Amino acid sequence: MAGHHEFRDHLKFKLQISARKIRGRLVNRLALIALCAMTPLASAQDRPNILLIVADDLGYADLGAYGGDIETPNIDALAAEGILFSQFHTAPVCAVTRSMLLTGNNNHVAGMGKQYGYHDTQIDLEGYEGYLSDRVAPMPRLLRDAGYHTYAAGKWHLGQAAEHSPKAAGFERHFNLSDGSGAHFHSLGMVPIGSQYREDGETTSYPDGRYSTDVYTDRLIEYIDSNRGDGQPFFVYAAYTTPHWPLQVPDEYLDLYRGRYDAGYDVLREQRFESLQRAGSIPTDSKLPPRNDAVTPWNALSAEQKKIESRKMELYAAMVDNLDDHVGKLIDYLKANDLYDNTLIVFMSDNGAAGEDFFQAGPYAEFIQEHYDNSYENMGKPMSWVSYGPQWAEAGSAPFSRYKGYTREGGITAPMIIAGRSVDRKGVKNDAYLTVMDLAPTFLELAEVQYPSDPGIRPMLGASIRDLLEGSTHTVHDERYATLLYHNGRAFIREGNWKLVNLDSPFDESRFELFDLASDPGETTNLAQREPERLTALLRLWTVKRRELGILLPENP
């Protein structure tokens, strides 16, 4: 009988979500049809439009298309229309990934050797500028100069000064949060000066009271529509700030997932691992990495602690659900205005699931606790500042080890889906190793834009995946392709399926561990002693490559 009630409640939950989403899509469709009637349709273009959608701190195991439990029908529909990538790799933190995304290069070459807030080297050293360096040519600038309209909205995190703004990087129109994080309803933020915003290169204010996804989606549609029909293609960078903490949602989303996660984070981690296996997002012979002993077991929590913890995950899931609705709104706009068929759409996350909780500890805790109320009744509302912590982040990265901030696979393996123009296959899963550096060269090739060969500009380290999208190849990089990264005392180098990586800072090369990711994607078995020749070769390659890239270690700042 209990099982019958559980099924009935789950079915009721599904029907409530479906009804709300259908109503939302109908309203969006009617509004967009009215807008379409007022302005001329865009003309056919030889070069594709490009829509790049970046979720902030979205976990690998969250999306329905990957086997996750959160309702994401619009993103799932993209996967059904194109290719789902199961081995797409980013950097372990936000700004570092974004520097690589917009330049096709390593974060040190791009100037983001450290993310703002981390201080393991001096900021005035080459590679550690904290903004896009003059050693790279930003991809948006190259597209703009080649005749593309370039628009951005959302998170920037690559410099606060005007000369380091999105406009300086090549965006014709933009509305962006300059900082790495901010509240979703207002500009109070988590530091005394408040969150900083720029619009078209100039400082501006946030429209207090409006939710972030609403603001950014509406801005992007406004930008596209302002030049629709002039024959020029567009590049749109939808850099949403969700589901990044603080976990805040509009009122209609507050109770959407009520009761869904009462079984706790340990159960969810195991359930997601199994569901991702069934969905084919990870190999069926994968092993769930050992449980992180630093996380308090769910069964050791009090009833009140469990109640609060469950609420955190409910709010996070609601944020992902809301993000999916706005992805749907963008896609509906493209379809209503005959732009969809000529648009390449990329959806991705910028790193693994986020375990930070600055309300509880850290340099901003005093200010946050003074200005925000995290009482149970207020959780998720505009004046709360809730994070879900490492306990739920472990479930968000379930197939892999650790989460955001780590160079383990859980910190750098992210979801990515590509559909639309130039994608000749539908409903395909691809397990080729790709990196965030591969997107800029792909966009430039599709736009028929040459990367500059100036002596002072470093060549891109990524490779175009155009052939893979068109179906003529399954892979992009061969077994000799090497990628490496260092940030905040954590590092890795990968060549083929072999990976050297450390776990915790302070950094020490003698603490590198060796993994064969082909047979052990969860990084459960250190092969350093069994494979001494492989270890030595990768250590030698690490030394050569890090010097080429200008990576400074703590012992030689």
Protein backbone atom coordinates (compact mmCIF):
# COMPACT_ATOMS: atom_id res chain seq x y z
CA MET A 1 0.00 0.00 0.00
CA ALA A 2 2.87 2.36 0.81
CA GLY A 3 4.29 1.80 -2.65
CA HIS A 4 0.91 2.68 -4.17
CA HIS A 5 0.83 5.98 -2.29
CA GLU A 6 4.43 6.79 -3.28
CA PHE A 7 3.62 6.16 -6.95
CA ARG A 8 0.43 8.23 -6.73
CA ASP A 9 2.29 11.14 -5.07
CA HIS A 10 5.09 10.95 -7.63
CA LEU A 11 2.56 10.93 -10.50
CA LYS A 12 0.76 13.92 -8.97
CA PHE A 13 4.11 15.73 -8.71
CA LYS A 14 4.91 15.01 -12.36
CA LEU A 15 1.49 16.20 -13.52
CA GLN A 16 1.80 19.44 -11.54
CA ILE A 17 5.17 20.19 -13.11
CA SER A 18 3.97 19.30 -16.60
CA ALA A 19 0.89 21.50 -16.30
CA ARG A 20 2.93 24.47 -15.11
CA LYS A 21 5.48 24.08 -17.89
CA ILE A 22 2.77 23.77 -20.57
CA ARG A 23 1.10 26.95 -19.30
CA GLY A 24 4.45 28.75 -19.25
CA ARG A 25 5.33 27.68 -22.77
CA LEU A 26 1.89 28.71 -24.07
CA VAL A 27 2.27 32.20 -22.59
CA ASN A 28 5.77 32.50 -24.09
CA ARG A 29 4.54 31.33 -27.49
CA LEU A 30 1.66 33.83 -27.59
CA ALA A 31 3.95 36.69 -26.57
CA LEU A 32 6.55 35.75 -29.14
CA ILE A 33 3.99 35.39 -31.93
CA ALA A 34 2.79 38.90 -31.17
CA LEU A 35 6.37 40.17 -31.23
CA CYS A 36 7.00 38.38 -34.51
CA ALA A 37 4.03 40.14 -36.12
CA MET A 38 5.52 43.55 -35.35
CA THR A 39 8.95 43.02 -36.94
CA PRO A 40 10.23 41.49 -40.21
CA LEU A 41 11.66 37.97 -40.31
CA ALA A 42 15.40 37.43 -40.52
CA SER A 43 16.77 36.63 -43.94
CA ALA A 44 18.62 33.41 -44.71
CA GLN A 45 22.31 33.44 -43.82
CA ASP A 46 25.25 31.44 -45.05
CA ARG A 47 26.98 31.52 -41.69
CA PRO A 48 25.26 30.12 -38.61
CA ASN A 49 23.98 32.03 -35.65
CA ILE A 50 25.53 30.74 -32.43
CA LEU A 51 23.76 30.53 -29.07
CA LEU A 52 26.10 29.59 -26.22
CA ILE A 53 24.22 28.87 -22.98
CA VAL A 54 26.35 28.45 -19.85
CA ALA A 55 24.84 27.26 -16.58
CA ASP A 56 26.72 28.27 -13.43
CA ASP A 57 27.78 25.37 -11.16
CA LEU A 58 25.31 22.89 -12.67
CA GLY A 59 26.21 19.33 -11.67
CA TYR A 60 26.93 16.56 -14.17
CA ALA A 61 24.17 14.35 -12.72
CA ASP A 62 21.38 16.96 -12.57
CA LEU A 63 19.84 16.91 -16.05
CA GLY A 64 17.16 14.46 -17.13
CA ALA A 65 18.97 13.76 -20.40
CA TYR A 66 21.97 12.47 -18.43
CA GLY A 67 19.80 10.35 -16.15
CA GLY A 68 19.22 12.96 -13.45
CA ASP A 69 16.02 13.41 -11.47
CA ILE A 70 15.34 17.15 -11.97
CA GLU A 71 12.67 18.09 -14.53
CA THR A 72 14.53 19.63 -17.51
CA PRO A 73 12.35 18.96 -20.58
CA ASN A 74 13.68 21.84 -22.69
CA ILE A 75 17.33 20.92 -22.20
CA ASP A 76 16.46 17.25 -22.67
CA ALA A 77 14.76 18.13 -25.97
CA LEU A 78 18.02 19.72 -27.14
CA ALA A 79 19.78 16.44 -26.45
CA ALA A 80 17.13 14.60 -28.45
CA GLU A 81 17.75 17.02 -31.34
CA GLY A 82 21.55 16.79 -31.23
CA ILE A 83 24.50 15.31 -29.36
CA LEU A 84 24.98 14.74 -25.63
CA PHE A 85 28.65 14.72 -24.59
CA SER A 86 29.63 12.55 -21.65
CA GLN A 87 33.34 13.46 -21.55
CA PHE A 88 33.36 17.25 -21.83
CA HIS A 89 35.92 18.88 -19.56
CA THR A 90 36.18 22.37 -18.09
CA ALA A 91 38.34 24.00 -15.44
CA PRO A 92 37.48 23.41 -11.76
CA VAL A 93 36.15 26.95 -11.11
CA CYS A 94 34.07 29.56 -12.89
CA ALA A 95 36.39 32.35 -14.06
CA VAL A 96 39.12 29.94 -15.12
CA THR A 97 36.68 28.06 -17.35
CA ARG A 98 35.30 31.28 -18.85
CA SER A 99 38.77 32.50 -19.78
CA MET A 100 39.41 29.24 -21.63
CA LEU A 101 35.95 29.22 -23.20
CA LEU A 102 36.28 32.66 -24.80
CA THR A 103 39.88 32.23 -25.98
CA GLY A 104 40.45 28.55 -26.81
CA ASN A 105 43.54 28.64 -24.62
CA ASN A 106 44.93 27.59 -21.25
CA ASN A 107 43.86 29.77 -18.34
CA HIS A 108 47.43 30.97 -17.67
CA VAL A 109 47.88 32.11 -21.25
CA ALA A 110 44.46 33.78 -21.05
CA GLY A 111 45.42 35.66 -17.86
CA MET A 112 43.35 33.73 -15.33
CA GLY A 113 46.01 31.78 -13.48
CA LYS A 114 44.00 32.49 -10.39
CA GLN A 115 40.36 33.25 -9.83
CA TYR A 116 39.58 36.36 -7.85
CA GLY A 117 39.57 35.40 -4.18
CA TYR A 118 42.43 32.88 -4.43
CA HIS A 119 45.90 34.14 -3.52
CA ASP A 120 48.61 31.59 -4.15
CA THR A 121 50.60 33.93 -6.42
CA GLN A 122 51.01 37.64 -7.00
CA ILE A 123 48.42 39.31 -9.20
CA ASP A 124 50.93 41.41 -11.16
CA LEU A 125 52.72 38.41 -12.67
CA GLU A 126 52.19 37.32 -16.27
CA GLY A 127 49.45 34.74 -16.41
CA TYR A 128 47.85 35.98 -13.19
CA GLU A 129 46.37 39.26 -14.38
CA GLY A 130 42.81 38.40 -13.37
CA TYR A 131 41.39 39.47 -16.75
CA LEU A 132 41.82 38.40 -20.38
CA SER A 133 45.44 39.01 -21.32
CA ASP A 134 46.86 40.60 -24.47
CA ARG A 135 48.38 37.20 -25.35
CA VAL A 136 44.99 35.98 -26.63
CA ALA A 137 42.44 37.19 -29.17
CA PRO A 138 38.97 36.86 -27.59
CA MET A 139 36.64 34.88 -29.79
CA PRO A 140 33.71 37.36 -29.49
CA ARG A 141 35.92 40.17 -30.77
CA LEU A 142 36.96 38.12 -33.78
CA LEU A 143 33.33 37.28 -34.56
CA ARG A 144 32.28 40.92 -34.19
CA ASP A 145 35.04 42.08 -36.52
CA ALA A 146 33.91 39.45 -39.04
CA GLY A 147 30.37 40.82 -39.20
CA TYR A 148 28.61 39.04 -36.36
CA HIS A 149 26.33 40.78 -33.90
CA THR A 150 27.69 39.84 -30.48
CA TYR A 151 25.47 39.90 -27.39
CA ALA A 152 26.00 38.78 -23.79
CA ALA A 153 24.03 38.72 -20.57
CA GLY A 154 24.74 37.17 -17.17
CA LYS A 155 27.99 36.44 -15.41
CA TRP A 156 31.27 37.91 -16.63
CA HIS A 157 33.88 37.31 -13.87
CA LEU A 158 36.82 38.26 -16.13
CA GLY A 159 37.61 41.74 -14.85
CA GLN A 160 35.65 44.62 -13.36
CA ALA A 161 37.32 47.63 -15.01
CA ALA A 162 35.88 49.10 -18.22
CA GLU A 163 38.96 48.06 -20.18
CA HIS A 164 38.32 44.45 -19.11
CA SER A 165 34.56 44.45 -19.63
CA PRO A 166 32.55 42.33 -22.08
CA LYS A 167 32.54 45.32 -24.45
CA ALA A 168 36.36 45.30 -24.49
CA ALA A 169 36.26 41.56 -25.30
CA GLY A 170 34.10 42.19 -28.34
CA PHE A 171 30.47 42.23 -27.23
CA GLU A 172 28.41 44.80 -29.10
CA ARG A 173 25.62 44.77 -26.48
CA HIS A 174 25.79 43.29 -23.01
CA PHE A 175 24.33 43.34 -19.50
CA ASN A 176 26.58 41.48 -17.07
CA LEU A 177 27.36 40.82 -13.43
CA SER A 178 31.05 41.69 -13.18
CA ASP A 179 31.59 39.61 -10.02
CA GLY A 180 31.70 35.87 -9.52
CA SER A 181 28.44 35.72 -7.61
CA GLY A 182 25.46 37.82 -6.65
CA ALA A 183 21.95 37.56 -5.31
CA HIS A 184 19.25 36.68 -7.83
CA PHE A 185 16.71 39.38 -6.90
CA HIS A 186 18.86 42.41 -6.02
CA SER A 187 22.38 43.86 -6.00
CA LEU A 188 23.19 43.65 -2.27
CA GLY A 189 25.52 40.72 -2.93
CA MET A 190 27.88 39.35 -0.29
CA VAL A 191 30.38 42.21 0.15
CA PRO A 192 29.85 45.75 1.48
CA ILE A 193 30.17 47.44 -1.93
CA GLY A 194 27.43 45.22 -3.37
CA SER A 195 27.43 43.37 -6.69
CA GLN A 196 28.78 45.26 -9.69
CA TYR A 197 27.04 45.33 -13.07
CA ARG A 198 27.97 46.70 -16.48
CA GLU A 199 25.84 47.39 -19.52
CA ASP A 200 27.45 48.11 -22.88
CA GLY A 201 30.74 48.91 -21.14
CA GLU A 202 29.33 51.29 -18.53
CA THR A 203 28.51 50.73 -14.87
CA THR A 204 24.82 50.22 -14.28
CA SER A 205 22.38 49.01 -11.64
CA TYR A 206 20.42 45.78 -11.32
CA PRO A 207 16.62 46.00 -11.64
CA ASP A 208 15.90 45.10 -8.02
CA GLY A 209 12.97 42.74 -7.50
CA ARG A 210 13.36 40.86 -10.77
CA TYR A 211 14.77 37.35 -10.88
CA SER A 212 18.11 36.87 -12.64
CA THR A 213 17.01 34.41 -15.33
CA ASP A 214 14.12 36.71 -16.26
CA VAL A 215 16.45 39.71 -16.56
CA TYR A 216 19.10 37.96 -18.64
CA THR A 217 16.71 36.13 -20.96
CA ASP A 218 14.70 39.26 -21.69
CA ARG A 219 17.84 41.27 -22.38
CA LEU A 220 19.14 38.70 -24.86
CA ILE A 221 15.84 38.51 -26.72
CA GLU A 222 15.77 42.32 -26.83
CA TYR A 223 19.30 42.40 -28.29
CA ILE A 224 18.61 39.78 -30.95
CA ASP A 225 15.32 41.37 -31.90
CA SER A 226 16.85 44.84 -32.27
CA ASN A 227 18.80 43.77 -35.36
CA ARG A 228 16.67 40.88 -36.58
CA GLY A 229 16.29 40.94 -40.33
CA ASP A 230 19.46 42.88 -41.18
CA GLY A 231 21.18 39.80 -42.68
CA GLN A 232 23.98 39.60 -40.11
CA PRO A 233 24.42 36.45 -38.02
CA PHE A 234 24.66 36.67 -34.23
CA PHE A 235 26.71 35.19 -31.41
CA VAL A 236 24.81 35.14 -28.12
CA TYR A 237 26.52 34.34 -24.80
CA ALA A 238 23.79 33.45 -22.28
CA ALA A 239 25.90 33.24 -19.13
CA TYR A 240 23.24 32.51 -16.54
CA THR A 241 24.10 32.89 -12.86
CA THR A 242 21.91 29.92 -11.88
CA PRO A 243 21.99 27.45 -10.23
CA HIS A 244 24.98 29.09 -8.47
CA TRP A 245 24.33 29.88 -4.81
CA PRO A 246 22.59 31.66 -3.14
CA LEU A 247 19.71 29.25 -3.65
CA GLN A 248 16.88 31.69 -4.32
CA VAL A 249 13.81 31.16 -6.52
CA PRO A 250 10.60 32.99 -7.45
CA ASP A 251 7.60 32.21 -5.24
CA GLU A 252 5.97 29.87 -7.76
CA TYR A 253 9.04 27.60 -7.63
CA LEU A 254 9.50 27.50 -3.84
CA ASP A 255 7.53 24.29 -3.24
CA LEU A 256 7.96 22.64 -6.61
CA TYR A 257 10.24 19.90 -5.23
CA ARG A 258 8.89 19.75 -1.68
CA GLY A 259 9.58 16.34 -0.17
CA ARG A 260 11.53 15.03 -3.16
CA TYR A 261 14.86 14.69 -1.34
CA ASP A 262 13.81 13.52 2.12
CA ALA A 263 15.83 10.31 1.69
CA GLY A 264 19.01 12.39 1.87
CA TYR A 265 22.22 13.02 0.00
CA ASP A 266 23.79 9.59 0.51
CA VAL A 267 20.80 7.87 -1.10
CA LEU A 268 20.62 10.45 -3.90
CA ARG A 269 24.30 9.94 -4.72
CA GLU A 270 23.78 6.21 -5.14
CA GLN A 271 20.51 6.63 -7.05
CA ARG A 272 22.06 9.07 -9.49
CA PHE A 273 25.06 6.84 -10.11
CA GLU A 274 22.73 4.00 -11.05
CA SER A 275 20.38 6.16 -13.12
CA LEU A 276 23.28 7.64 -15.11
CA GLN A 277 24.47 4.13 -15.85
CA ARG A 278 21.02 3.17 -17.11
CA ALA A 279 20.90 6.32 -19.26
CA GLY A 280 24.27 5.48 -20.85
CA SER A 281 25.97 8.63 -19.59
CA ILE A 282 28.63 6.57 -17.84
CA PRO A 283 29.85 3.02 -18.57
CA THR A 284 27.85 0.23 -17.00
CA ASP A 285 31.01 -1.20 -15.44
CA SER A 286 31.90 2.07 -13.68
CA LYS A 287 32.51 2.02 -9.94
CA LEU A 288 31.06 4.57 -7.55
CA PRO A 289 34.02 6.40 -5.96
CA PRO A 290 34.49 5.92 -2.21
CA ARG A 291 32.29 8.10 -0.07
CA ASN A 292 33.90 11.35 1.12
CA ASP A 293 34.57 10.80 4.82
CA ALA A 294 34.52 14.57 5.42
CA VAL A 295 30.76 14.59 4.76
CA THR A 296 28.60 13.71 7.78
CA PRO A 297 26.54 10.58 7.03
CA TRP A 298 22.87 11.36 6.47
CA ASN A 299 21.78 8.90 9.16
CA ALA A 300 23.94 10.73 11.71
CA LEU A 301 21.88 13.93 11.33
CA SER A 302 19.06 14.93 13.65
CA ALA A 303 15.51 15.20 12.35
CA GLU A 304 15.79 19.00 12.30
CA GLN A 305 19.11 18.85 10.40
CA LYS A 306 17.59 16.49 7.84
CA LYS A 307 14.68 18.87 7.35
CA ILE A 308 17.02 21.77 6.61
CA GLU A 309 19.30 19.71 4.39
CA SER A 310 16.39 18.40 2.31
CA ARG A 311 15.17 21.96 1.83
CA LYS A 312 18.54 22.97 0.38
CA MET A 313 18.34 20.37 -2.35
CA GLU A 314 14.68 21.18 -3.05
CA LEU A 315 15.65 24.79 -3.71
CA TYR A 316 18.62 23.82 -5.87
CA ALA A 317 16.40 21.57 -8.00
CA ALA A 318 13.88 24.40 -8.35
CA MET A 319 16.65 26.68 -9.63
CA VAL A 320 17.63 24.12 -12.27
CA ASP A 321 13.97 23.75 -13.21
CA ASN A 322 13.66 27.53 -13.59
CA LEU A 323 16.81 27.63 -15.72
CA ASP A 324 15.31 24.98 -17.99
CA ASP A 325 12.19 27.11 -18.43
CA HIS A 326 14.32 30.04 -19.62
CA VAL A 327 16.32 27.85 -21.99
CA GLY A 328 12.91 26.94 -23.38
CA LYS A 329 11.97 30.61 -23.70
CA LEU A 330 15.11 31.34 -25.74
CA ILE A 331 14.47 28.36 -28.01
CA ASP A 332 10.81 29.31 -28.42
CA TYR A 333 11.92 32.78 -29.50
CA LEU A 334 14.25 31.34 -32.12
CA LYS A 335 11.56 29.04 -33.47
CA ALA A 336 8.87 31.72 -33.52
CA ASN A 337 11.14 33.99 -35.57
CA ASP A 338 12.51 31.43 -38.06
CA LEU A 339 15.97 31.60 -36.50
CA TYR A 340 16.19 28.12 -35.00
CA ASP A 341 17.20 26.19 -38.11
CA ASN A 342 20.18 28.47 -38.71
CA THR A 343 21.39 28.53 -35.11
CA LEU A 344 23.99 26.29 -33.51
CA ILE A 345 23.00 25.86 -29.84
CA VAL A 346 25.51 24.84 -27.19
CA PHE A 347 24.39 24.19 -23.62
CA MET A 348 27.05 23.55 -20.96
CA SER A 349 28.01 23.99 -17.34
CA ASP A 350 31.18 25.81 -16.31
CA ASN A 351 32.48 23.25 -13.79
CA GLY A 352 31.35 20.53 -11.41
CA ALA A 353 28.73 20.87 -8.68
CA ALA A 354 29.54 23.54 -6.07
CA GLY A 355 30.39 22.66 -2.48
CA GLU A 356 31.14 26.13 -1.09
CA ASP A 357 29.07 27.54 1.78
CA PHE A 358 30.17 31.10 2.51
CA PHE A 359 27.27 31.70 4.90
CA GLN A 360 28.83 29.30 7.39
CA ALA A 361 32.51 30.19 7.03
CA GLY A 362 35.01 32.16 5.02
CA PRO A 363 35.92 35.81 4.41
CA TYR A 364 32.34 36.90 3.62
CA ALA A 365 30.49 35.05 6.41
CA GLU A 366 30.20 38.00 8.78
CA PHE A 367 28.65 40.29 6.16
CA ILE A 368 26.33 37.59 4.82
CA GLN A 369 25.08 36.58 8.27
CA GLU A 370 24.44 40.22 9.16
CA HIS A 371 22.34 40.91 6.04
CA TYR A 372 20.62 37.60 5.25
CA ASP A 373 18.22 35.34 7.13
CA ASN A 374 18.61 31.58 6.60
CA SER A 375 15.83 30.52 8.93
CA TYR A 376 13.88 27.54 7.58
CA GLU A 377 10.80 29.61 6.71
CA ASN A 378 12.93 32.13 4.77
CA MET A 379 15.09 29.67 2.84
CA GLY A 380 14.96 30.29 -0.91
CA LYS A 381 13.53 33.79 -0.60
CA PRO A 382 15.28 37.01 -1.73
CA MET A 383 16.89 37.76 1.65
CA SER A 384 18.27 34.26 2.29
CA TRP A 385 21.76 33.11 1.30
CA VAL A 386 21.63 29.32 1.18
CA SER A 387 24.19 26.92 -0.32
CA TYR A 388 23.76 23.16 -0.47
CA GLY A 389 27.37 22.34 0.45
CA PRO A 390 29.70 19.44 -0.34
CA GLN A 391 27.18 16.88 0.89
CA TRP A 392 24.80 17.53 -2.02
CA ALA A 393 27.60 18.46 -4.43
CA GLU A 394 28.87 14.90 -4.05
CA ALA A 395 25.50 13.73 -5.39
CA GLY A 396 25.69 16.30 -8.21
CA SER A 397 29.00 14.78 -9.32
CA ALA A 398 27.96 11.23 -8.44
CA PRO A 399 29.87 9.24 -11.08
CA PHE A 400 33.13 11.02 -10.27
CA SER A 401 35.41 11.98 -7.43
CA ARG A 402 34.89 15.31 -5.62
CA TYR A 403 33.30 18.49 -7.03
CA LYS A 404 33.96 22.13 -7.97
CA GLY A 405 37.39 23.43 -6.99
CA TYR A 406 39.06 20.04 -7.39
CA THR A 407 41.00 18.85 -10.42
CA ARG A 408 39.48 15.41 -9.92
CA GLU A 409 36.92 14.44 -12.55
CA GLY A 410 34.05 15.61 -10.37
CA GLY A 411 35.36 19.17 -10.54
CA ILE A 412 36.10 19.31 -14.26
CA THR A 413 33.67 16.94 -16.05
CA ALA A 414 30.57 18.90 -17.00
CA PRO A 415 27.41 18.37 -19.06
CA MET A 416 27.39 19.67 -22.63
CA ILE A 417 24.74 19.33 -25.33
CA ILE A 418 25.02 20.67 -28.88
CA ALA A 419 22.15 20.85 -31.37
CA GLY A 420 20.92 22.85 -34.34
CA ARG A 421 22.78 24.10 -37.40
CA SER A 422 25.85 22.02 -38.39
CA VAL A 423 24.77 19.07 -36.19
CA ASP A 424 23.83 16.22 -38.50
CA ARG A 425 22.88 13.63 -35.88
CA LYS A 426 20.00 13.47 -33.43
CA GLY A 427 19.75 11.80 -30.04
CA VAL A 428 23.39 10.69 -30.07
CA LYS A 429 25.67 10.25 -27.05
CA ASN A 430 29.35 10.92 -27.63
CA ASP A 431 32.09 9.82 -25.21
CA ALA A 432 35.09 11.47 -26.90
CA TYR A 433 37.38 13.54 -24.69
CA LEU A 434 36.69 17.23 -25.30
CA THR A 435 37.73 20.37 -23.48
CA VAL A 436 36.22 23.82 -23.09
CA MET A 437 39.11 25.11 -25.24
CA ASP A 438 37.60 23.30 -28.25
CA LEU A 439 34.55 25.57 -28.50
CA ALA A 440 36.20 28.82 -29.61
CA PRO A 441 38.01 27.23 -32.59
CA THR A 442 34.76 25.46 -33.52
CA PHE A 443 32.78 28.69 -33.57
CA LEU A 444 35.47 30.48 -35.56
CA GLU A 445 35.65 27.72 -38.17
CA LEU A 446 31.89 27.63 -38.60
CA ALA A 447 31.88 31.43 -38.92
CA GLU A 448 34.73 31.26 -41.47
CA VAL A 449 36.95 33.43 -39.28
CA GLN A 450 40.73 33.07 -39.17
CA TYR A 451 42.50 33.28 -35.82
CA PRO A 452 45.25 35.94 -35.96
CA SER A 453 48.84 34.85 -36.48
CA ASP A 454 50.40 37.92 -34.85
CA PRO A 455 53.70 37.18 -33.05
CA GLY A 456 52.36 38.38 -29.70
CA ILE A 457 49.18 36.30 -29.86
CA ARG A 458 49.51 32.72 -28.66
CA PRO A 459 47.84 30.07 -30.87
CA MET A 460 44.75 28.35 -29.52
CA LEU A 461 45.26 25.01 -27.78
CA GLY A 462 41.78 23.67 -28.51
CA ALA A 463 40.66 22.06 -31.76
CA SER A 464 37.53 22.51 -33.85
CA ILE A 465 34.92 19.79 -33.39
CA ARG A 466 33.10 20.63 -36.62
CA ASP A 467 33.77 17.24 -38.19
CA LEU A 468 32.44 15.50 -35.10
CA LEU A 469 29.25 17.59 -35.19
CA GLU A 470 28.76 16.78 -38.86
CA GLY A 471 29.25 13.07 -38.24
CA SER A 472 32.44 12.40 -40.19
CA THR A 473 34.42 11.47 -37.06
CA HIS A 474 33.75 10.31 -33.50
CA THR A 475 36.83 11.82 -31.86
CA VAL A 476 38.76 15.08 -31.97
CA HIS A 477 42.00 14.52 -30.04
CA ASP A 478 44.44 11.64 -30.45
CA GLU A 479 46.24 9.75 -27.68
CA ARG A 480 49.15 12.20 -27.68
CA TYR A 481 47.02 15.26 -26.98
CA ALA A 482 47.91 16.63 -23.55
CA THR A 483 45.98 19.05 -21.37
CA LEU A 484 47.01 20.41 -18.00
CA LEU A 485 45.89 22.96 -15.47
CA TYR A 486 46.97 24.41 -12.16
CA HIS A 487 44.80 26.44 -9.83
CA ASN A 488 44.93 27.15 -6.11
CA GLY A 489 47.23 24.27 -5.21
CA ARG A 490 45.44 21.67 -7.31
CA ALA A 491 46.65 20.44 -10.69
CA PHE A 492 46.37 17.75 -13.33
CA ILE A 493 47.91 16.68 -16.59
CA ARG A 494 46.15 14.30 -18.94
CA GLU A 495 47.52 12.56 -22.02
CA GLY A 496 45.07 10.24 -23.73
CA ASN A 497 43.28 8.39 -20.94
CA TRP A 498 46.14 8.71 -18.46
CA LYS A 499 45.92 11.38 -15.81
CA LEU A 500 48.23 12.69 -13.09
CA VAL A 501 46.31 14.61 -10.44
CA ASN A 502 46.60 15.67 -6.82
CA LEU A 503 43.74 15.86 -4.35
CA ASP A 504 44.42 18.62 -1.84
CA SER A 505 46.69 21.61 -1.47
CA PRO A 506 49.39 22.54 -0.61
CA PHE A 507 50.73 21.46 -3.96
CA ASP A 508 53.58 18.96 -4.06
CA GLU A 509 54.53 17.04 -7.21
CA SER A 510 55.37 13.98 -5.09
CA ARG A 511 51.67 13.75 -4.18
CA PHE A 512 50.52 13.29 -7.77
CA GLU A 513 48.40 10.17 -8.26
CA LEU A 514 48.10 8.26 -11.55
CA PHE A 515 44.80 7.03 -12.99
CA ASP A 516 43.70 5.22 -16.14
CA LEU A 517 40.42 6.99 -16.87
CA ALA A 518 39.46 4.50 -19.57
CA SER A 519 38.91 1.80 -16.94
CA ASP A 520 38.58 3.99 -13.86
CA PRO A 521 36.68 7.25 -14.52
CA GLY A 522 35.90 7.55 -10.81
CA GLU A 523 39.65 7.74 -9.99
CA THR A 524 39.39 4.98 -7.42
CA THR A 525 42.71 3.15 -8.00
CA ASN A 526 46.06 4.98 -7.89
CA LEU A 527 48.45 3.26 -10.35
CA ALA A 528 51.56 5.31 -9.53
CA GLN A 529 53.45 2.35 -8.06
CA ARG A 530 52.26 -0.17 -10.64
CA GLU A 531 53.11 2.06 -13.63
CA PRO A 532 56.41 3.77 -12.73
CA GLU A 533 57.43 4.39 -16.35
CA ARG A 534 54.10 6.01 -17.15
CA LEU A 535 54.37 8.11 -13.98
CA THR A 536 57.87 9.31 -14.88
CA ALA A 537 56.89 10.16 -18.45
CA LEU A 538 53.87 12.18 -17.36
CA LEU A 539 55.86 14.01 -14.70
CA ARG A 540 58.41 14.96 -17.35
CA LEU A 541 55.65 16.13 -19.68
CA TRP A 542 54.05 18.11 -16.83
CA THR A 543 57.30 19.98 -16.23
CA VAL A 544 57.77 20.84 -19.90
CA LYS A 545 54.20 21.92 -20.48
CA ARG A 546 53.75 23.97 -17.33
CA ARG A 547 56.87 25.98 -18.19
CA GLU A 548 55.56 26.58 -21.70
CA LEU A 549 52.30 27.91 -20.27
CA GLY A 550 53.87 30.03 -17.53
CA ILE A 551 52.41 28.08 -14.61
CA LEU A 552 54.13 29.18 -11.42
CA LEU A 553 54.20 26.77 -8.51
CA PRO A 554 54.25 27.89 -4.86
CA GLU A 555 57.96 27.14 -4.51
CA ASN A 556 58.94 29.40 -7.45
CA PRO A 557 56.53 32.39 -7.47
